[in-house]
Amino acid sequence: MKRNMSNADRIIRVFLAAVFAYLYFSGTVTGAFGVILLVLGAVFLLTSTISFCPLYLPFKISTYKD
């Protein structure tokens, strides 16, 4: 997989994943919406770790500059 995420994009995703986890584990957001946020946060964290977002491919988006 070719990298398609810049460092700024990765940092934003890690921050959002942390916010989603905090909202879920503090009990602010519960139920199905809380679980959806938690899963979305896990996806953000995974894509940040590997610097690749599969949703960027169909739209030919790349925030990474060589």
C-alpha atoms as a PDB file:
ATOM      1  CA  MET A   1       0.000   0.000   0.000  1.00  0.00           C
ATOM      2  CA  LYS A   2       1.288   3.384  -0.975  1.00  0.00           C
ATOM      3  CA  ARG A   3       1.097   6.094   1.673  1.00  0.00           C
ATOM      4  CA  ASN A   4      -1.686   8.608   0.984  1.00  0.00           C
ATOM      5  CA  MET A   5      -2.014  10.475   4.306  1.00  0.00           C
ATOM      6  CA  SER A   6       0.026  13.434   5.509  1.00  0.00           C
ATOM      7  CA  ASN A   7       1.228  13.787   9.086  1.00  0.00           C
ATOM      8  CA  ALA A   8      -1.380  16.496   9.757  1.00  0.00           C
ATOM      9  CA  ASP A   9      -4.124  14.138   8.557  1.00  0.00           C
ATOM     10  CA  ARG A  10      -2.789  11.384  10.811  1.00  0.00           C
ATOM     11  CA  ILE A  11      -2.617  13.667  13.872  1.00  0.00           C
ATOM     12  CA  ILE A  12      -6.198  14.854  13.349  1.00  0.00           C
ATOM     13  CA  ARG A  13      -7.410  11.255  13.114  1.00  0.00           C
ATOM     14  CA  VAL A  14      -5.588  10.211  16.300  1.00  0.00           C
ATOM     15  CA  PHE A  15      -7.053  13.219  18.113  1.00  0.00           C
ATOM     16  CA  LEU A  16     -10.578  12.373  16.929  1.00  0.00           C
ATOM     17  CA  ALA A  17     -10.123   8.731  17.936  1.00  0.00           C
ATOM     18  CA  ALA A  18      -9.085   9.861  21.428  1.00  0.00           C
ATOM     19  CA  VAL A  19     -12.115  12.167  21.685  1.00  0.00           C
ATOM     20  CA  PHE A  20     -14.469   9.388  20.553  1.00  0.00           C
ATOM     21  CA  ALA A  21     -12.953   6.963  23.076  1.00  0.00           C
ATOM     22  CA  TYR A  22     -13.257   9.534  25.865  1.00  0.00           C
ATOM     23  CA  LEU A  23     -16.893  10.230  25.008  1.00  0.00           C
ATOM     24  CA  TYR A  24     -17.709   6.528  25.025  1.00  0.00           C
ATOM     25  CA  PHE A  25     -15.803   5.483  28.144  1.00  0.00           C
ATOM     26  CA  SER A  26     -16.908   8.503  30.191  1.00  0.00           C
ATOM     27  CA  GLY A  27     -20.522   7.585  29.508  1.00  0.00           C
ATOM     28  CA  THR A  28     -21.305  10.816  27.655  1.00  0.00           C
ATOM     29  CA  VAL A  29     -22.326   8.902  24.529  1.00  0.00           C
ATOM     30  CA  THR A  30     -23.965   5.520  25.037  1.00  0.00           C
ATOM     31  CA  GLY A  31     -25.948   2.964  23.125  1.00  0.00           C
ATOM     32  CA  ALA A  32     -25.628   2.247  19.439  1.00  0.00           C
ATOM     33  CA  PHE A  33     -24.266   5.713  18.659  1.00  0.00           C
ATOM     34  CA  GLY A  34     -21.523   5.239  21.251  1.00  0.00           C
ATOM     35  CA  VAL A  35     -20.496   1.908  19.747  1.00  0.00           C
ATOM     36  CA  ILE A  36     -20.470   3.433  16.257  1.00  0.00           C
ATOM     37  CA  LEU A  37     -18.196   6.244  17.472  1.00  0.00           C
ATOM     38  CA  LEU A  38     -15.907   3.726  19.151  1.00  0.00           C
ATOM     39  CA  VAL A  39     -15.610   1.647  15.966  1.00  0.00           C
ATOM     40  CA  LEU A  40     -15.035   4.778  13.874  1.00  0.00           C
ATOM     41  CA  GLY A  41     -12.307   5.836  16.309  1.00  0.00           C
ATOM     42  CA  ALA A  42     -10.652   2.425  15.948  1.00  0.00           C
ATOM     43  CA  VAL A  43     -10.734   2.776  12.156  1.00  0.00           C
ATOM     44  CA  PHE A  44      -9.216   6.269  12.428  1.00  0.00           C
ATOM     45  CA  LEU A  45      -6.471   4.910  14.665  1.00  0.00           C
ATOM     46  CA  LEU A  46      -5.728   2.012  12.318  1.00  0.00           C
ATOM     47  CA  THR A  47      -5.580   4.195   9.210  1.00  0.00           C
ATOM     48  CA  SER A  48      -3.342   6.670  11.043  1.00  0.00           C
ATOM     49  CA  THR A  49      -0.964   3.897  12.021  1.00  0.00           C
ATOM     50  CA  ILE A  50      -0.540   2.576   8.491  1.00  0.00           C
ATOM     51  CA  SER A  51      -0.757   6.049   6.808  1.00  0.00           C
ATOM     52  CA  PHE A  52      -3.249   4.730   4.288  1.00  0.00           C
ATOM     53  CA  CYS A  53      -6.951   5.504   3.886  1.00  0.00           C
ATOM     54  CA  PRO A  54      -8.819   3.142   1.546  1.00  0.00           C
ATOM     55  CA  LEU A  55     -11.637   5.677   1.053  1.00  0.00           C
ATOM     56  CA  TYR A  56      -9.148   8.052  -0.604  1.00  0.00           C
ATOM     57  CA  LEU A  57      -8.511   5.586  -3.457  1.00  0.00           C
ATOM     58  CA  PRO A  58     -11.809   5.824  -5.402  1.00  0.00           C
ATOM     59  CA  PHE A  59     -11.649   9.615  -5.250  1.00  0.00           C
ATOM     60  CA  LYS A  60      -7.910   9.720  -6.085  1.00  0.00           C
ATOM     61  CA  ILE A  61      -7.202  11.857  -3.007  1.00  0.00           C
ATOM     62  CA  SER A  62      -3.782  12.013  -1.422  1.00  0.00           C
ATOM     63  CA  THR A  63      -2.802  14.454   1.325  1.00  0.00           C
ATOM     64  CA  TYR A  64       0.752  13.075   1.319  1.00  0.00           C
ATOM     65  CA  LYS A  65       3.284  15.151  -0.546  1.00  0.00           C
ATOM     66  CA  ASP A  66       6.487  13.440  -1.707  1.00  0.00           C
END
